[in-house]
Amino acid sequence: AAGVQPLAIDPAAAVAPPAAEPLPGAPLAAEGVPAGPALGPEPLDPDFTPARWRRILAGRKARIKSLLLDQQAVAGLGNIYAAEALFRAAIRPDRPAGSLSGAEAGRLYRSMRAVLKEALAAGGTSIQDYRQADGRSGLFQVSLRVYGRRGEACPCCGAPIEACREGSRTTYFCPGCQH
């Protein structure tokens, strides 16, 4: 259009957003940055012990799958890894978290850690568009036993894998293996 000048940008000029003002009374994570909610322990952190895990579970009425996805309870588990850990521990996703026995809590503790270690070693899980930093796909999806396998035979007992909603997420489980 006539009279329109192109926008001139000086590549040497620093571009920065205006300083954010925290809400009154909001805790600060760093100078001038409002903190989000406190995160729970990560399952691979040395401070995440079986005793700490049992304290997290104690008295909780929330369903165990929902608790595993609550980043304030346990940080870093996503929907896929939570479903796989529950399958390995033989625990239904709809069980109240506080109802787990000591043995079940121990199995789930070990399963969470094992699933995450295996996924890290495999470069993650590439189901849709996840890629590693170098552009390669992760390979853990070939190890998934229940996630995304609705209607397929359970690799352990042969029962069809079922799916249900837990919160806003679909979860997968084996009705024959998970109690």
N, C-alpha and C. Protein backbone atom coordinates (compact mmCIF):
# COMPACT_ATOMS: atom_id res chain seq x y z
N ALA A 1 0.85 -1.18 0.00
CA ALA A 1 0.00 0.00 0.00
C ALA A 1 0.88 1.22 0.00
N ALA A 2 0.42 2.26 -0.65
CA ALA A 2 1.19 3.49 -0.76
C ALA A 2 1.33 4.13 0.61
N GLY A 3 2.50 4.63 0.90
CA GLY A 3 2.76 5.33 2.14
C GLY A 3 3.08 4.43 3.32
N VAL A 4 3.04 3.13 3.14
CA VAL A 4 3.35 2.21 4.23
C VAL A 4 4.84 1.94 4.23
N GLN A 5 5.46 2.17 5.34
CA GLN A 5 6.89 1.94 5.48
C GLN A 5 7.13 0.57 6.12
N PRO A 6 8.15 -0.16 5.66
CA PRO A 6 8.47 -1.43 6.32
C PRO A 6 8.96 -1.18 7.74
N LEU A 7 8.71 -2.13 8.61
CA LEU A 7 9.13 -2.05 9.99
C LEU A 7 10.63 -2.25 10.05
N ALA A 8 11.34 -1.33 10.64
CA ALA A 8 12.79 -1.45 10.79
C ALA A 8 13.10 -2.01 12.17
N ILE A 9 13.85 -3.10 12.20
CA ILE A 9 14.22 -3.71 13.47
C ILE A 9 15.73 -3.66 13.59
N ASP A 10 16.19 -3.13 14.71
CA ASP A 10 17.62 -3.07 14.99
C ASP A 10 18.02 -4.38 15.66
N PRO A 11 18.80 -5.24 14.97
CA PRO A 11 19.15 -6.54 15.56
C PRO A 11 20.00 -6.41 16.81
N ALA A 12 20.62 -5.26 17.03
CA ALA A 12 21.44 -5.09 18.23
C ALA A 12 20.62 -4.65 19.43
N ALA A 13 19.37 -4.27 19.20
CA ALA A 13 18.53 -3.79 20.30
C ALA A 13 18.07 -4.95 21.16
N ALA A 14 18.07 -4.75 22.45
CA ALA A 14 17.59 -5.78 23.38
C ALA A 14 16.08 -5.72 23.45
N VAL A 15 15.45 -6.84 23.37
CA VAL A 15 14.00 -6.92 23.48
C VAL A 15 13.68 -7.70 24.75
N ALA A 16 12.90 -7.08 25.60
CA ALA A 16 12.53 -7.75 26.85
C ALA A 16 11.11 -7.36 27.21
N PRO A 17 10.36 -8.28 27.77
CA PRO A 17 9.01 -7.92 28.20
C PRO A 17 9.08 -7.01 29.42
N PRO A 18 8.04 -6.26 29.67
CA PRO A 18 8.05 -5.42 30.87
C PRO A 18 8.13 -6.29 32.12
N ALA A 19 8.68 -5.75 33.17
CA ALA A 19 8.83 -6.50 34.41
C ALA A 19 7.46 -6.91 34.93
N ALA A 20 7.34 -8.15 35.32
CA ALA A 20 6.08 -8.65 35.85
C ALA A 20 5.94 -8.24 37.30
N GLU A 21 4.75 -7.87 37.69
CA GLU A 21 4.46 -7.52 39.07
C GLU A 21 3.76 -8.70 39.71
N PRO A 22 4.31 -9.24 40.81
CA PRO A 22 3.63 -10.37 41.45
C PRO A 22 2.34 -9.92 42.12
N LEU A 23 1.44 -10.85 42.28
CA LEU A 23 0.21 -10.57 43.00
C LEU A 23 0.56 -10.32 44.47
N PRO A 24 -0.16 -9.46 45.15
CA PRO A 24 0.13 -9.22 46.56
C PRO A 24 0.09 -10.51 47.36
N GLY A 25 1.11 -10.75 48.12
CA GLY A 25 1.18 -11.93 48.96
C GLY A 25 1.64 -13.18 48.25
N ALA A 26 1.88 -13.14 46.93
CA ALA A 26 2.31 -14.34 46.21
C ALA A 26 3.78 -14.62 46.53
N PRO A 27 4.11 -15.90 46.80
CA PRO A 27 5.51 -16.23 47.06
C PRO A 27 6.32 -16.05 45.78
N LEU A 28 7.58 -15.74 45.92
CA LEU A 28 8.43 -15.53 44.76
C LEU A 28 9.39 -16.70 44.58
N ALA A 29 9.48 -17.21 43.35
CA ALA A 29 10.41 -18.29 43.03
C ALA A 29 11.79 -17.69 42.76
N ALA A 30 11.83 -16.56 42.14
CA ALA A 30 13.06 -15.83 41.85
C ALA A 30 12.66 -14.36 41.87
N GLU A 31 13.61 -13.50 41.89
CA GLU A 31 13.32 -12.08 41.99
C GLU A 31 12.33 -11.65 40.91
N GLY A 32 11.18 -11.18 41.34
CA GLY A 32 10.18 -10.66 40.41
C GLY A 32 9.33 -11.70 39.71
N VAL A 33 9.52 -12.98 40.01
CA VAL A 33 8.76 -14.04 39.33
C VAL A 33 7.87 -14.74 40.35
N PRO A 34 6.54 -14.68 40.18
CA PRO A 34 5.67 -15.37 41.13
C PRO A 34 5.90 -16.88 41.07
N ALA A 35 5.92 -17.51 42.21
CA ALA A 35 6.11 -18.96 42.28
C ALA A 35 4.79 -19.66 41.99
N GLY A 36 4.87 -20.82 41.39
CA GLY A 36 3.69 -21.66 41.19
C GLY A 36 3.48 -22.49 42.43
N PRO A 37 2.54 -23.42 42.37
CA PRO A 37 2.33 -24.30 43.52
C PRO A 37 3.56 -25.15 43.78
N ALA A 38 3.77 -25.51 45.01
CA ALA A 38 4.91 -26.34 45.37
C ALA A 38 4.78 -27.70 44.70
N LEU A 39 5.87 -28.18 44.16
CA LEU A 39 5.87 -29.49 43.51
C LEU A 39 6.24 -30.56 44.51
N GLY A 40 5.67 -31.72 44.33
CA GLY A 40 6.01 -32.86 45.16
C GLY A 40 7.36 -33.42 44.74
N PRO A 41 7.81 -34.46 45.42
CA PRO A 41 9.09 -35.06 45.09
C PRO A 41 9.04 -35.79 43.74
N GLU A 42 10.16 -35.86 43.08
CA GLU A 42 10.26 -36.65 41.85
C GLU A 42 10.62 -38.08 42.24
N PRO A 43 10.01 -39.07 41.60
CA PRO A 43 10.26 -40.46 41.99
C PRO A 43 11.71 -40.92 41.90
N LEU A 44 12.53 -40.30 41.09
CA LEU A 44 13.93 -40.71 40.99
C LEU A 44 14.85 -39.89 41.88
N ASP A 45 14.29 -38.95 42.62
CA ASP A 45 15.09 -38.14 43.54
C ASP A 45 15.50 -39.00 44.73
N PRO A 46 16.74 -38.90 45.19
CA PRO A 46 17.17 -39.69 46.36
C PRO A 46 16.32 -39.42 47.61
N ASP A 47 15.71 -38.24 47.71
CA ASP A 47 14.87 -37.92 48.86
C ASP A 47 13.49 -38.58 48.80
N PHE A 48 13.16 -39.16 47.65
CA PHE A 48 11.88 -39.85 47.51
C PHE A 48 12.09 -41.29 47.97
N THR A 49 11.81 -41.52 49.24
CA THR A 49 12.04 -42.82 49.86
C THR A 49 10.72 -43.57 50.02
N PRO A 50 10.77 -44.87 50.27
CA PRO A 50 9.51 -45.60 50.53
C PRO A 50 8.74 -45.01 51.71
N ALA A 51 9.44 -44.56 52.73
CA ALA A 51 8.75 -43.96 53.89
C ALA A 51 8.05 -42.66 53.48
N ARG A 52 8.70 -41.85 52.69
CA ARG A 52 8.07 -40.60 52.23
C ARG A 52 6.86 -40.91 51.36
N TRP A 53 6.97 -41.91 50.50
CA TRP A 53 5.86 -42.31 49.65
C TRP A 53 4.66 -42.77 50.49
N ARG A 54 4.91 -43.56 51.54
CA ARG A 54 3.82 -43.99 52.40
C ARG A 54 3.16 -42.80 53.10
N ARG A 55 3.95 -41.79 53.49
CA ARG A 55 3.37 -40.58 54.11
C ARG A 55 2.50 -39.83 53.10
N ILE A 56 2.91 -39.79 51.84
CA ILE A 56 2.12 -39.12 50.81
C ILE A 56 0.77 -39.82 50.64
N LEU A 57 0.78 -41.14 50.68
CA LEU A 57 -0.45 -41.93 50.50
C LEU A 57 -1.38 -41.90 51.70
N ALA A 58 -0.82 -41.79 52.89
CA ALA A 58 -1.58 -41.96 54.13
C ALA A 58 -2.82 -41.06 54.17
N GLY A 59 -3.96 -41.71 54.35
CA GLY A 59 -5.22 -40.99 54.54
C GLY A 59 -5.81 -40.36 53.29
N ARG A 60 -5.17 -40.51 52.14
CA ARG A 60 -5.68 -39.87 50.91
C ARG A 60 -6.89 -40.61 50.39
N LYS A 61 -7.95 -39.84 50.11
CA LYS A 61 -9.16 -40.41 49.54
C LYS A 61 -9.15 -40.35 48.02
N ALA A 62 -8.29 -39.54 47.45
CA ALA A 62 -8.22 -39.41 45.99
C ALA A 62 -7.86 -40.75 45.37
N ARG A 63 -8.35 -40.97 44.17
CA ARG A 63 -7.99 -42.19 43.44
C ARG A 63 -6.49 -42.17 43.16
N ILE A 64 -5.89 -43.34 43.21
CA ILE A 64 -4.44 -43.42 43.09
C ILE A 64 -3.93 -42.84 41.76
N LYS A 65 -4.64 -43.07 40.67
CA LYS A 65 -4.18 -42.52 39.38
C LYS A 65 -4.20 -41.00 39.42
N SER A 66 -5.26 -40.42 40.00
CA SER A 66 -5.33 -38.96 40.11
C SER A 66 -4.21 -38.43 40.99
N LEU A 67 -3.90 -39.14 42.06
CA LEU A 67 -2.81 -38.72 42.94
C LEU A 67 -1.47 -38.75 42.19
N LEU A 68 -1.26 -39.79 41.39
CA LEU A 68 0.00 -39.90 40.64
C LEU A 68 0.15 -38.76 39.63
N LEU A 69 -0.96 -38.24 39.14
CA LEU A 69 -0.90 -37.13 38.19
C LEU A 69 -0.88 -35.76 38.87
N ASP A 70 -1.10 -35.72 40.17
CA ASP A 70 -1.09 -34.47 40.93
C ASP A 70 0.36 -34.08 41.18
N GLN A 71 0.83 -33.08 40.48
CA GLN A 71 2.24 -32.67 40.56
C GLN A 71 2.62 -32.13 41.93
N GLN A 72 1.63 -31.79 42.75
CA GLN A 72 1.93 -31.35 44.11
C GLN A 72 2.16 -32.55 45.03
N ALA A 73 1.69 -33.72 44.63
CA ALA A 73 1.91 -34.94 45.41
C ALA A 73 3.19 -35.64 44.96
N VAL A 74 3.30 -35.88 43.66
CA VAL A 74 4.46 -36.53 43.05
C VAL A 74 4.71 -35.83 41.73
N ALA A 75 5.89 -35.28 41.55
CA ALA A 75 6.20 -34.52 40.33
C ALA A 75 6.83 -35.42 39.28
N GLY A 76 6.46 -35.18 38.03
CA GLY A 76 7.17 -35.80 36.93
C GLY A 76 6.56 -37.04 36.33
N LEU A 77 5.53 -37.60 36.96
CA LEU A 77 4.86 -38.74 36.34
C LEU A 77 3.78 -38.20 35.44
N GLY A 78 3.73 -38.66 34.23
CA GLY A 78 2.65 -38.29 33.33
C GLY A 78 1.65 -39.42 33.23
N ASN A 79 0.66 -39.23 32.40
CA ASN A 79 -0.42 -40.18 32.25
C ASN A 79 0.09 -41.56 31.81
N ILE A 80 0.98 -41.59 30.84
CA ILE A 80 1.49 -42.86 30.32
C ILE A 80 2.24 -43.62 31.41
N TYR A 81 3.19 -42.97 32.05
CA TYR A 81 4.03 -43.65 33.03
C TYR A 81 3.25 -44.04 34.28
N ALA A 82 2.25 -43.24 34.65
CA ALA A 82 1.41 -43.59 35.79
C ALA A 82 0.60 -44.85 35.49
N ALA A 83 0.02 -44.94 34.29
CA ALA A 83 -0.75 -46.14 33.92
C ALA A 83 0.14 -47.37 33.91
N GLU A 84 1.33 -47.24 33.37
CA GLU A 84 2.25 -48.38 33.30
C GLU A 84 2.73 -48.80 34.68
N ALA A 85 3.00 -47.84 35.56
CA ALA A 85 3.45 -48.16 36.91
C ALA A 85 2.34 -48.87 37.69
N LEU A 86 1.11 -48.40 37.54
CA LEU A 86 -0.01 -49.05 38.22
C LEU A 86 -0.21 -50.48 37.71
N PHE A 87 -0.04 -50.69 36.41
CA PHE A 87 -0.16 -52.04 35.87
C PHE A 87 0.91 -52.96 36.46
N ARG A 88 2.14 -52.50 36.46
CA ARG A 88 3.23 -53.32 36.99
C ARG A 88 3.05 -53.63 38.47
N ALA A 89 2.43 -52.70 39.19
CA ALA A 89 2.21 -52.89 40.63
C ALA A 89 0.92 -53.66 40.91
N ALA A 90 0.14 -53.97 39.85
CA ALA A 90 -1.12 -54.71 39.97
C ALA A 90 -2.17 -53.97 40.79
N ILE A 91 -2.24 -52.64 40.58
CA ILE A 91 -3.17 -51.79 41.33
C ILE A 91 -4.11 -51.09 40.35
N ARG A 92 -5.41 -51.20 40.60
CA ARG A 92 -6.40 -50.52 39.75
C ARG A 92 -6.26 -49.01 39.91
N PRO A 93 -6.45 -48.26 38.83
CA PRO A 93 -6.30 -46.80 38.89
C PRO A 93 -7.37 -46.10 39.72
N ASP A 94 -8.51 -46.76 39.94
CA ASP A 94 -9.60 -46.10 40.67
C ASP A 94 -9.59 -46.39 42.17
N ARG A 95 -8.60 -47.09 42.66
CA ARG A 95 -8.49 -47.36 44.10
C ARG A 95 -8.20 -46.07 44.86
N PRO A 96 -8.79 -45.88 46.04
CA PRO A 96 -8.40 -44.73 46.88
C PRO A 96 -6.92 -44.88 47.27
N ALA A 97 -6.16 -43.82 47.14
CA ALA A 97 -4.72 -43.89 47.40
C ALA A 97 -4.43 -44.37 48.82
N GLY A 98 -5.23 -43.92 49.78
CA GLY A 98 -5.00 -44.29 51.17
C GLY A 98 -5.36 -45.74 51.49
N SER A 99 -5.97 -46.46 50.53
CA SER A 99 -6.36 -47.85 50.78
C SER A 99 -5.25 -48.85 50.44
N LEU A 100 -4.15 -48.37 49.88
CA LEU A 100 -3.08 -49.29 49.50
C LEU A 100 -2.41 -49.87 50.75
N SER A 101 -2.19 -51.16 50.73
CA SER A 101 -1.47 -51.80 51.83
C SER A 101 0.01 -51.41 51.75
N GLY A 102 0.75 -51.74 52.77
CA GLY A 102 2.19 -51.47 52.75
C GLY A 102 2.88 -52.16 51.60
N ALA A 103 2.47 -53.41 51.33
CA ALA A 103 3.07 -54.17 50.22
C ALA A 103 2.73 -53.53 48.89
N GLU A 104 1.47 -53.08 48.72
CA GLU A 104 1.06 -52.44 47.47
C GLU A 104 1.79 -51.11 47.28
N ALA A 105 1.91 -50.33 48.35
CA ALA A 105 2.64 -49.06 48.27
C ALA A 105 4.09 -49.31 47.86
N GLY A 106 4.69 -50.35 48.40
CA GLY A 106 6.06 -50.70 48.04
C GLY A 106 6.19 -51.11 46.59
N ARG A 107 5.24 -51.92 46.10
CA ARG A 107 5.27 -52.32 44.69
C ARG A 107 5.12 -51.11 43.78
N LEU A 108 4.21 -50.20 44.13
CA LEU A 108 4.00 -49.03 43.30
C LEU A 108 5.23 -48.11 43.33
N TYR A 109 5.83 -47.96 44.49
CA TYR A 109 7.08 -47.17 44.61
C TYR A 109 8.13 -47.73 43.64
N ARG A 110 8.35 -49.03 43.69
CA ARG A 110 9.37 -49.66 42.83
C ARG A 110 8.98 -49.56 41.36
N SER A 111 7.69 -49.72 41.06
CA SER A 111 7.22 -49.66 39.68
C SER A 111 7.38 -48.27 39.07
N MET A 112 7.04 -47.24 39.84
CA MET A 112 7.21 -45.86 39.34
C MET A 112 8.66 -45.62 38.94
N ARG A 113 9.56 -45.99 39.82
CA ARG A 113 10.99 -45.76 39.58
C ARG A 113 11.49 -46.59 38.40
N ALA A 114 11.05 -47.84 38.31
CA ALA A 114 11.50 -48.71 37.21
C ALA A 114 10.99 -48.19 35.86
N VAL A 115 9.71 -47.81 35.80
CA VAL A 115 9.15 -47.31 34.55
C VAL A 115 9.90 -46.06 34.10
N LEU A 116 10.14 -45.13 35.01
CA LEU A 116 10.85 -43.90 34.64
C LEU A 116 12.28 -44.19 34.19
N LYS A 117 12.99 -45.07 34.88
CA LYS A 117 14.36 -45.40 34.49
C LYS A 117 14.38 -46.05 33.11
N GLU A 118 13.46 -46.97 32.86
CA GLU A 118 13.40 -47.63 31.55
C GLU A 118 13.05 -46.63 30.45
N ALA A 119 12.11 -45.73 30.72
CA ALA A 119 11.72 -44.73 29.73
C ALA A 119 12.89 -43.80 29.42
N LEU A 120 13.62 -43.38 30.45
CA LEU A 120 14.78 -42.52 30.22
C LEU A 120 15.83 -43.24 29.38
N ALA A 121 16.08 -44.50 29.69
CA ALA A 121 17.07 -45.27 28.93
C ALA A 121 16.65 -45.45 27.48
N ALA A 122 15.33 -45.49 27.22
CA ALA A 122 14.82 -45.67 25.86
C ALA A 122 14.63 -44.34 25.13
N GLY A 123 14.94 -43.23 25.79
CA GLY A 123 14.80 -41.93 25.14
C GLY A 123 13.40 -41.36 25.18
N GLY A 124 12.56 -41.87 26.08
CA GLY A 124 11.20 -41.35 26.22
C GLY A 124 10.20 -42.13 25.41
N THR A 125 9.00 -41.58 25.31
CA THR A 125 7.90 -42.24 24.62
C THR A 125 7.40 -41.34 23.51
N SER A 126 7.50 -41.78 22.27
CA SER A 126 7.04 -40.99 21.12
C SER A 126 5.76 -41.60 20.58
N ILE A 127 4.63 -41.10 21.08
CA ILE A 127 3.35 -41.61 20.61
C ILE A 127 2.79 -40.67 19.55
N GLN A 128 2.91 -39.38 19.76
CA GLN A 128 2.41 -38.44 18.77
C GLN A 128 3.58 -37.67 18.17
N ASP A 129 4.01 -36.62 18.86
CA ASP A 129 5.04 -35.78 18.25
C ASP A 129 6.26 -35.55 19.13
N TYR A 130 6.39 -36.29 20.25
CA TYR A 130 7.55 -36.11 21.12
C TYR A 130 8.82 -36.51 20.37
N ARG A 131 9.84 -35.70 20.50
CA ARG A 131 11.15 -36.00 19.95
C ARG A 131 12.20 -35.64 20.98
N GLN A 132 13.33 -36.34 20.92
CA GLN A 132 14.47 -36.02 21.78
C GLN A 132 15.10 -34.73 21.25
N ALA A 133 16.04 -34.18 22.00
CA ALA A 133 16.67 -32.92 21.61
C ALA A 133 17.34 -33.01 20.24
N ASP A 134 17.83 -34.20 19.88
CA ASP A 134 18.49 -34.35 18.58
C ASP A 134 17.51 -34.73 17.46
N GLY A 135 16.20 -34.72 17.75
CA GLY A 135 15.20 -34.99 16.74
C GLY A 135 14.77 -36.44 16.64
N ARG A 136 15.45 -37.35 17.32
CA ARG A 136 15.08 -38.76 17.26
C ARG A 136 13.85 -39.03 18.13
N SER A 137 13.09 -40.03 17.73
CA SER A 137 11.94 -40.45 18.53
C SER A 137 12.42 -41.27 19.72
N GLY A 138 11.66 -41.20 20.81
CA GLY A 138 11.91 -42.10 21.92
C GLY A 138 11.42 -43.49 21.55
N LEU A 139 11.85 -44.49 22.30
CA LEU A 139 11.51 -45.87 21.95
C LEU A 139 10.72 -46.60 23.03
N PHE A 140 10.38 -45.94 24.14
CA PHE A 140 9.70 -46.64 25.22
C PHE A 140 8.31 -47.12 24.83
N GLN A 141 7.69 -46.50 23.83
CA GLN A 141 6.34 -46.90 23.44
C GLN A 141 6.26 -48.38 23.04
N VAL A 142 7.35 -48.98 22.60
CA VAL A 142 7.31 -50.40 22.26
C VAL A 142 7.24 -51.27 23.51
N SER A 143 7.51 -50.69 24.68
CA SER A 143 7.47 -51.42 25.95
C SER A 143 6.16 -51.24 26.71
N LEU A 144 5.25 -50.42 26.17
CA LEU A 144 3.99 -50.14 26.88
C LEU A 144 3.15 -51.41 26.94
N ARG A 145 2.68 -51.73 28.14
CA ARG A 145 1.90 -52.96 28.33
C ARG A 145 0.40 -52.71 28.35
N VAL A 146 -0.02 -51.49 28.81
CA VAL A 146 -1.46 -51.20 28.84
C VAL A 146 -1.82 -49.89 28.17
N TYR A 147 -0.98 -48.89 28.25
CA TYR A 147 -1.34 -47.57 27.73
C TYR A 147 -1.64 -47.64 26.23
N GLY A 148 -2.80 -47.14 25.84
CA GLY A 148 -3.19 -47.08 24.44
C GLY A 148 -3.59 -48.43 23.85
N ARG A 149 -3.78 -49.45 24.69
CA ARG A 149 -4.04 -50.81 24.19
C ARG A 149 -5.46 -51.31 24.51
N ARG A 150 -6.39 -50.39 24.58
CA ARG A 150 -7.79 -50.76 24.89
C ARG A 150 -8.26 -51.87 23.94
N GLY A 151 -8.83 -52.93 24.54
CA GLY A 151 -9.36 -54.04 23.75
C GLY A 151 -8.34 -55.10 23.39
N GLU A 152 -7.07 -54.79 23.51
CA GLU A 152 -6.03 -55.79 23.22
C GLU A 152 -5.87 -56.72 24.41
N ALA A 153 -5.30 -57.88 24.17
CA ALA A 153 -5.09 -58.86 25.23
C ALA A 153 -3.98 -58.40 26.17
N CYS A 154 -4.22 -58.55 27.47
CA CYS A 154 -3.20 -58.25 28.47
C CYS A 154 -2.00 -59.17 28.22
N PRO A 155 -0.78 -58.64 28.27
CA PRO A 155 0.39 -59.48 28.04
C PRO A 155 0.63 -60.49 29.16
N CYS A 156 -0.03 -60.32 30.30
CA CYS A 156 0.16 -61.24 31.42
C CYS A 156 -0.94 -62.29 31.52
N CYS A 157 -2.22 -61.87 31.43
CA CYS A 157 -3.32 -62.81 31.67
C CYS A 157 -4.23 -63.02 30.48
N GLY A 158 -4.11 -62.20 29.45
CA GLY A 158 -4.92 -62.35 28.25
C GLY A 158 -6.26 -61.64 28.28
N ALA A 159 -6.67 -61.08 29.44
CA ALA A 159 -7.94 -60.34 29.51
C ALA A 159 -7.83 -59.08 28.65
N PRO A 160 -8.94 -58.62 28.09
CA PRO A 160 -8.87 -57.40 27.29
C PRO A 160 -8.56 -56.18 28.17
N ILE A 161 -7.64 -55.34 27.70
CA ILE A 161 -7.30 -54.10 28.40
C ILE A 161 -8.51 -53.17 28.32
N GLU A 162 -8.84 -52.53 29.43
CA GLU A 162 -9.97 -51.60 29.48
C GLU A 162 -9.45 -50.18 29.62
N ALA A 163 -10.33 -49.23 29.32
CA ALA A 163 -10.01 -47.81 29.47
C ALA A 163 -11.14 -47.14 30.24
N CYS A 164 -10.79 -46.15 31.03
CA CYS A 164 -11.79 -45.36 31.75
C CYS A 164 -11.22 -43.95 31.91
N ARG A 165 -12.06 -43.05 32.34
CA ARG A 165 -11.63 -41.67 32.58
C ARG A 165 -11.28 -41.51 34.04
N GLU A 166 -10.14 -40.93 34.30
CA GLU A 166 -9.71 -40.52 35.64
C GLU A 166 -9.45 -39.03 35.54
N GLY A 167 -10.34 -38.24 36.09
CA GLY A 167 -10.23 -36.79 35.90
C GLY A 167 -10.47 -36.49 34.44
N SER A 168 -9.58 -35.76 33.83
CA SER A 168 -9.72 -35.41 32.42
C SER A 168 -8.90 -36.33 31.52
N ARG A 169 -8.31 -37.37 32.08
CA ARG A 169 -7.41 -38.24 31.31
C ARG A 169 -8.00 -39.63 31.14
N THR A 170 -7.64 -40.26 30.03
CA THR A 170 -7.99 -41.66 29.82
C THR A 170 -6.90 -42.50 30.45
N THR A 171 -7.31 -43.50 31.18
CA THR A 171 -6.34 -44.42 31.76
C THR A 171 -6.67 -45.83 31.29
N TYR A 172 -5.67 -46.64 31.24
CA TYR A 172 -5.79 -48.01 30.73
C TYR A 172 -5.38 -48.96 31.85
N PHE A 173 -6.08 -50.11 31.92
CA PHE A 173 -5.76 -51.07 32.97
C PHE A 173 -6.26 -52.45 32.57
N CYS A 174 -5.75 -53.46 33.23
CA CYS A 174 -6.18 -54.84 33.03
C CYS A 174 -7.06 -55.24 34.21
N PRO A 175 -8.34 -55.54 33.95
CA PRO A 175 -9.23 -55.93 35.04
C PRO A 175 -8.86 -57.29 35.66
N GLY A 176 -8.08 -58.08 34.94
CA GLY A 176 -7.66 -59.38 35.47
C GLY A 176 -6.45 -59.29 36.38
N CYS A 177 -5.54 -58.38 36.08
CA CYS A 177 -4.28 -58.27 36.83
C CYS A 177 -4.29 -57.20 37.92
N GLN A 178 -5.06 -56.15 37.70
CA GLN A 178 -5.01 -55.01 38.62
C GLN A 178 -6.20 -55.05 39.57
N HIS A 179 -5.88 -55.02 40.87
CA HIS A 179 -6.92 -55.12 41.91
C HIS A 179 -6.90 -53.91 42.82
